[in-house]
């Protein structure tokens, strides 16, 4: 979870700027993420994804990530915006929508429905439900149970 902070430190800033990251030399950015300790298990792939996301934010939202959700009129609209982000499929978009609603108060009409099962209250399914060590353990238990069920049905 310290990836963004580490990237900012390696870029020599306190604030990440989508314009600067999108414009950064791709090889140099990949090398930055690869420095020990690496920012991600696959730093080269992650560097590319981060730059693609930042380029999209620059093109569509003037580099302001919060603009993705700031004026969304409905949960369905916000989900569509999130799914349009590079690297965001249905599940990641729903989890991020649930995170915005549950942890940051971003709750356009219908947000819970648009987030699917991740938007339900009092569940422990994803990062949207983690508030501390106890809830993290419950999310891990849920994921392990899902994997076990998938193995049994395969």
C-alpha atoms as a PDB file:
ATOM      1  CA  UNK A   1       0.000   0.000   0.000  1.00  0.00           C
ATOM      2  CA  UNK A   2       3.022   2.290   0.144  1.00  0.00           C
ATOM      3  CA  UNK A   3       3.471   2.284  -3.638  1.00  0.00           C
ATOM      4  CA  UNK A   4       2.147   5.788  -4.360  1.00  0.00           C
ATOM      5  CA  UNK A   5       4.249   7.307  -1.570  1.00  0.00           C
ATOM      6  CA  UNK A   6       7.337   5.434  -2.779  1.00  0.00           C
ATOM      7  CA  UNK A   7       6.788   6.606  -6.346  1.00  0.00           C
ATOM      8  CA  UNK A   8       6.374  10.214  -5.189  1.00  0.00           C
ATOM      9  CA  UNK A   9       9.569   9.998  -3.128  1.00  0.00           C
ATOM     10  CA  UNK A  10      11.524   8.550  -6.042  1.00  0.00           C
ATOM     11  CA  UNK A  11      10.194  11.317  -8.286  1.00  0.00           C
ATOM     12  CA  UNK A  12      11.353  13.853  -5.695  1.00  0.00           C
ATOM     13  CA  UNK A  13       7.922  15.239  -4.861  1.00  0.00           C
ATOM     14  CA  UNK A  14       5.253  15.011  -2.194  1.00  0.00           C
ATOM     15  CA  UNK A  15       2.419  15.026  -4.718  1.00  0.00           C
ATOM     16  CA  UNK A  16       1.829  12.675  -7.604  1.00  0.00           C
ATOM     17  CA  UNK A  17       0.940  14.536 -10.779  1.00  0.00           C
ATOM     18  CA  UNK A  18      -0.811  12.653 -13.593  1.00  0.00           C
ATOM     19  CA  UNK A  19       0.564  15.080 -16.197  1.00  0.00           C
ATOM     20  CA  UNK A  20       4.164  14.502 -15.078  1.00  0.00           C
ATOM     21  CA  UNK A  21       3.796  10.732 -14.821  1.00  0.00           C
ATOM     22  CA  UNK A  22       2.103  10.442 -18.225  1.00  0.00           C
ATOM     23  CA  UNK A  23       4.885  12.512 -19.803  1.00  0.00           C
ATOM     24  CA  UNK A  24       7.725  10.687 -18.015  1.00  0.00           C
ATOM     25  CA  UNK A  25      10.048   8.619 -20.198  1.00  0.00           C
ATOM     26  CA  UNK A  26       8.575   5.067 -20.074  1.00  0.00           C
ATOM     27  CA  UNK A  27      11.939   3.322 -19.643  1.00  0.00           C
ATOM     28  CA  UNK A  28      13.024   5.720 -16.917  1.00  0.00           C
ATOM     29  CA  UNK A  29       9.671   5.339 -15.149  1.00  0.00           C
ATOM     30  CA  UNK A  30       9.941   1.538 -15.278  1.00  0.00           C
ATOM     31  CA  UNK A  31      13.467   1.780 -13.865  1.00  0.00           C
ATOM     32  CA  UNK A  32      12.171   4.023 -11.081  1.00  0.00           C
ATOM     33  CA  UNK A  33       9.586   1.411 -10.085  1.00  0.00           C
ATOM     34  CA  UNK A  34      12.196  -1.352 -10.354  1.00  0.00           C
ATOM     35  CA  UNK A  35      14.620   0.179  -7.855  1.00  0.00           C
ATOM     36  CA  UNK A  36      15.059  -1.943  -4.737  1.00  0.00           C
ATOM     37  CA  UNK A  37      12.723  -2.473  -3.111  1.00  0.00           C
ATOM     38  CA  UNK A  38      10.545  -2.701  -6.205  1.00  0.00           C
ATOM     39  CA  UNK A  39       7.226  -0.876  -6.014  1.00  0.00           C
ATOM     40  CA  UNK A  40       5.347  -3.899  -7.352  1.00  0.00           C
ATOM     41  CA  UNK A  41       5.953  -7.574  -7.991  1.00  0.00           C
ATOM     42  CA  UNK A  42       6.002  -6.778 -11.731  1.00  0.00           C
ATOM     43  CA  UNK A  43       7.419  -3.242 -11.816  1.00  0.00           C
ATOM     44  CA  UNK A  44       7.711  -2.949 -15.599  1.00  0.00           C
ATOM     45  CA  UNK A  45       4.102  -3.950 -16.212  1.00  0.00           C
ATOM     46  CA  UNK A  46       2.891  -1.756 -13.369  1.00  0.00           C
ATOM     47  CA  UNK A  47       4.857   1.226 -14.671  1.00  0.00           C
ATOM     48  CA  UNK A  48       3.145   0.858 -18.042  1.00  0.00           C
ATOM     49  CA  UNK A  49      -0.295   0.575 -16.428  1.00  0.00           C
ATOM     50  CA  UNK A  50       0.280   3.606 -14.220  1.00  0.00           C
ATOM     51  CA  UNK A  51       1.365   5.700 -17.198  1.00  0.00           C
ATOM     52  CA  UNK A  52      -1.636   4.551 -19.253  1.00  0.00           C
ATOM     53  CA  UNK A  53      -3.982   5.470 -16.413  1.00  0.00           C
ATOM     54  CA  UNK A  54      -2.338   8.858 -15.956  1.00  0.00           C
ATOM     55  CA  UNK A  55      -2.505   9.558 -19.700  1.00  0.00           C
ATOM     56  CA  UNK A  56      -6.225   8.728 -19.639  1.00  0.00           C
ATOM     57  CA  UNK A  57      -6.770  11.019 -16.642  1.00  0.00           C
ATOM     58  CA  UNK A  58      -4.924  13.824 -18.416  1.00  0.00           C
ATOM     59  CA  UNK A  59      -6.915  13.360 -21.619  1.00  0.00           C
ATOM     60  CA  UNK A  60     -10.358  13.011 -20.050  1.00  0.00           C
ATOM     61  CA  UNK A  61     -10.145  14.744 -16.654  1.00  0.00           C
ATOM     62  CA  UNK A  62      -7.266  17.237 -16.978  1.00  0.00           C
ATOM     63  CA  UNK A  63      -5.191  14.951 -14.745  1.00  0.00           C
ATOM     64  CA  UNK A  64      -7.588  15.192 -11.778  1.00  0.00           C
ATOM     65  CA  UNK A  65      -8.487  11.692 -10.565  1.00  0.00           C
ATOM     66  CA  UNK A  66     -11.210  13.040  -8.260  1.00  0.00           C
ATOM     67  CA  UNK A  67     -12.997  14.430 -11.307  1.00  0.00           C
ATOM     68  CA  UNK A  68     -13.825  10.831 -12.253  1.00  0.00           C
ATOM     69  CA  UNK A  69     -16.372  10.708  -9.443  1.00  0.00           C
ATOM     70  CA  UNK A  70     -16.919  14.361  -8.487  1.00  0.00           C
ATOM     71  CA  UNK A  71     -19.996  15.015 -10.619  1.00  0.00           C
ATOM     72  CA  UNK A  72     -21.279  11.518 -11.394  1.00  0.00           C
ATOM     73  CA  UNK A  73     -25.076  11.734 -11.429  1.00  0.00           C
ATOM     74  CA  UNK A  74     -25.666   8.074 -10.571  1.00  0.00           C
ATOM     75  CA  UNK A  75     -23.965   4.926  -9.451  1.00  0.00           C
ATOM     76  CA  UNK A  76     -24.370   3.490 -12.942  1.00  0.00           C
ATOM     77  CA  UNK A  77     -22.654   6.522 -14.478  1.00  0.00           C
ATOM     78  CA  UNK A  78     -19.808   6.321 -11.992  1.00  0.00           C
ATOM     79  CA  UNK A  79     -19.393   2.597 -12.643  1.00  0.00           C
ATOM     80  CA  UNK A  80     -19.224   3.287 -16.390  1.00  0.00           C
ATOM     81  CA  UNK A  81     -16.565   5.955 -15.810  1.00  0.00           C
ATOM     82  CA  UNK A  82     -14.510   3.593 -13.670  1.00  0.00           C
ATOM     83  CA  UNK A  83     -14.799   0.760 -16.201  1.00  0.00           C
ATOM     84  CA  UNK A  84     -13.488   3.139 -18.877  1.00  0.00           C
ATOM     85  CA  UNK A  85     -10.233   3.583 -16.947  1.00  0.00           C
ATOM     86  CA  UNK A  86      -7.314   1.558 -18.359  1.00  0.00           C
ATOM     87  CA  UNK A  87      -6.867  -1.628 -16.354  1.00  0.00           C
ATOM     88  CA  UNK A  88     -10.335  -1.490 -14.780  1.00  0.00           C
ATOM     89  CA  UNK A  89     -12.707  -4.320 -15.584  1.00  0.00           C
ATOM     90  CA  UNK A  90     -16.136  -4.910 -14.087  1.00  0.00           C
ATOM     91  CA  UNK A  91     -14.931  -6.347 -10.782  1.00  0.00           C
ATOM     92  CA  UNK A  92     -12.199  -3.787 -10.102  1.00  0.00           C
ATOM     93  CA  UNK A  93     -14.582  -0.966 -10.999  1.00  0.00           C
ATOM     94  CA  UNK A  94     -17.243  -2.320  -8.637  1.00  0.00           C
ATOM     95  CA  UNK A  95     -14.737  -2.708  -5.807  1.00  0.00           C
ATOM     96  CA  UNK A  96     -13.437   0.819  -6.355  1.00  0.00           C
ATOM     97  CA  UNK A  97     -16.994   2.166  -6.434  1.00  0.00           C
ATOM     98  CA  UNK A  98     -17.710   0.382  -3.149  1.00  0.00           C
ATOM     99  CA  UNK A  99     -14.505   1.824  -1.694  1.00  0.00           C
ATOM    100  CA  UNK A 100     -15.531   5.332  -2.712  1.00  0.00           C
ATOM    101  CA  UNK A 101     -18.991   4.877  -1.202  1.00  0.00           C
ATOM    102  CA  UNK A 102     -18.050   3.092   1.994  1.00  0.00           C
ATOM    103  CA  UNK A 103     -14.824   4.881   2.893  1.00  0.00           C
ATOM    104  CA  UNK A 104     -14.988   8.282   1.209  1.00  0.00           C
ATOM    105  CA  UNK A 105     -18.682   9.173   1.191  1.00  0.00           C
ATOM    106  CA  UNK A 106     -18.955   9.264  -2.620  1.00  0.00           C
ATOM    107  CA  UNK A 107     -22.525   8.042  -2.896  1.00  0.00           C
ATOM    108  CA  UNK A 108     -24.416   9.039  -6.021  1.00  0.00           C
ATOM    109  CA  UNK A 109     -27.916   7.583  -6.256  1.00  0.00           C
ATOM    110  CA  UNK A 110     -27.752   3.834  -6.866  1.00  0.00           C
ATOM    111  CA  UNK A 111     -24.097   3.435  -5.922  1.00  0.00           C
ATOM    112  CA  UNK A 112     -24.673   0.293  -3.837  1.00  0.00           C
ATOM    113  CA  UNK A 113     -26.566  -1.419  -6.643  1.00  0.00           C
ATOM    114  CA  UNK A 114     -23.910  -0.443  -9.193  1.00  0.00           C
ATOM    115  CA  UNK A 115     -21.190  -1.827  -6.902  1.00  0.00           C
ATOM    116  CA  UNK A 116     -22.966  -5.185  -6.832  1.00  0.00           C
ATOM    117  CA  UNK A 117     -22.138  -7.481  -3.930  1.00  0.00           C
ATOM    118  CA  UNK A 118     -19.216  -5.219  -2.989  1.00  0.00           C
ATOM    119  CA  UNK A 119     -21.633  -2.409  -2.132  1.00  0.00           C
ATOM    120  CA  UNK A 120     -23.576  -4.401   0.427  1.00  0.00           C
ATOM    121  CA  UNK A 121     -23.279  -3.158   4.008  1.00  0.00           C
ATOM    122  CA  UNK A 122     -21.697  -5.338   6.684  1.00  0.00           C
ATOM    123  CA  UNK A 123     -19.814  -7.662   4.327  1.00  0.00           C
ATOM    124  CA  UNK A 124     -16.118  -8.436   4.154  1.00  0.00           C
ATOM    125  CA  UNK A 125     -15.413  -9.124   0.490  1.00  0.00           C
ATOM    126  CA  UNK A 126     -12.815  -6.633  -0.692  1.00  0.00           C
ATOM    127  CA  UNK A 127     -10.512  -3.726   0.063  1.00  0.00           C
ATOM    128  CA  UNK A 128     -13.655  -1.585   0.345  1.00  0.00           C
ATOM    129  CA  UNK A 129     -14.462  -3.401   3.586  1.00  0.00           C
ATOM    130  CA  UNK A 130     -11.090  -3.165   5.297  1.00  0.00           C
ATOM    131  CA  UNK A 131     -10.944  -0.785   8.227  1.00  0.00           C
ATOM    132  CA  UNK A 132      -8.306  -2.520  10.341  1.00  0.00           C
ATOM    133  CA  UNK A 133      -6.653  -5.838  11.158  1.00  0.00           C
ATOM    134  CA  UNK A 134      -9.893  -7.589  12.138  1.00  0.00           C
ATOM    135  CA  UNK A 135     -11.755  -6.708   8.953  1.00  0.00           C
ATOM    136  CA  UNK A 136      -8.646  -7.516   6.896  1.00  0.00           C
ATOM    137  CA  UNK A 137      -8.666 -11.015   8.411  1.00  0.00           C
ATOM    138  CA  UNK A 138     -12.359 -11.389   7.528  1.00  0.00           C
ATOM    139  CA  UNK A 139     -11.738 -10.325   3.924  1.00  0.00           C
ATOM    140  CA  UNK A 140      -8.902 -12.850   3.677  1.00  0.00           C
ATOM    141  CA  UNK A 141     -11.163 -15.578   5.098  1.00  0.00           C
ATOM    142  CA  UNK A 142     -13.840 -14.716   2.532  1.00  0.00           C
ATOM    143  CA  UNK A 143     -11.356 -14.854  -0.342  1.00  0.00           C
ATOM    144  CA  UNK A 144      -9.940 -18.186   0.842  1.00  0.00           C
ATOM    145  CA  UNK A 145     -13.453 -19.615   1.086  1.00  0.00           C
ATOM    146  CA  UNK A 146     -14.191 -18.387  -2.473  1.00  0.00           C
ATOM    147  CA  UNK A 147     -11.018 -20.039  -3.795  1.00  0.00           C
ATOM    148  CA  UNK A 148     -11.829 -23.299  -2.013  1.00  0.00           C
ATOM    149  CA  UNK A 149     -15.360 -23.282  -3.430  1.00  0.00           C
ATOM    150  CA  UNK A 150     -14.014 -22.663  -6.933  1.00  0.00           C
ATOM    151  CA  UNK A 151     -11.618 -25.616  -6.582  1.00  0.00           C
ATOM    152  CA  UNK A 152     -14.428 -27.892  -5.421  1.00  0.00           C
ATOM    153  CA  UNK A 153     -16.630 -26.966  -8.359  1.00  0.00           C
ATOM    154  CA  UNK A 154     -13.807 -27.388 -10.899  1.00  0.00           C
END
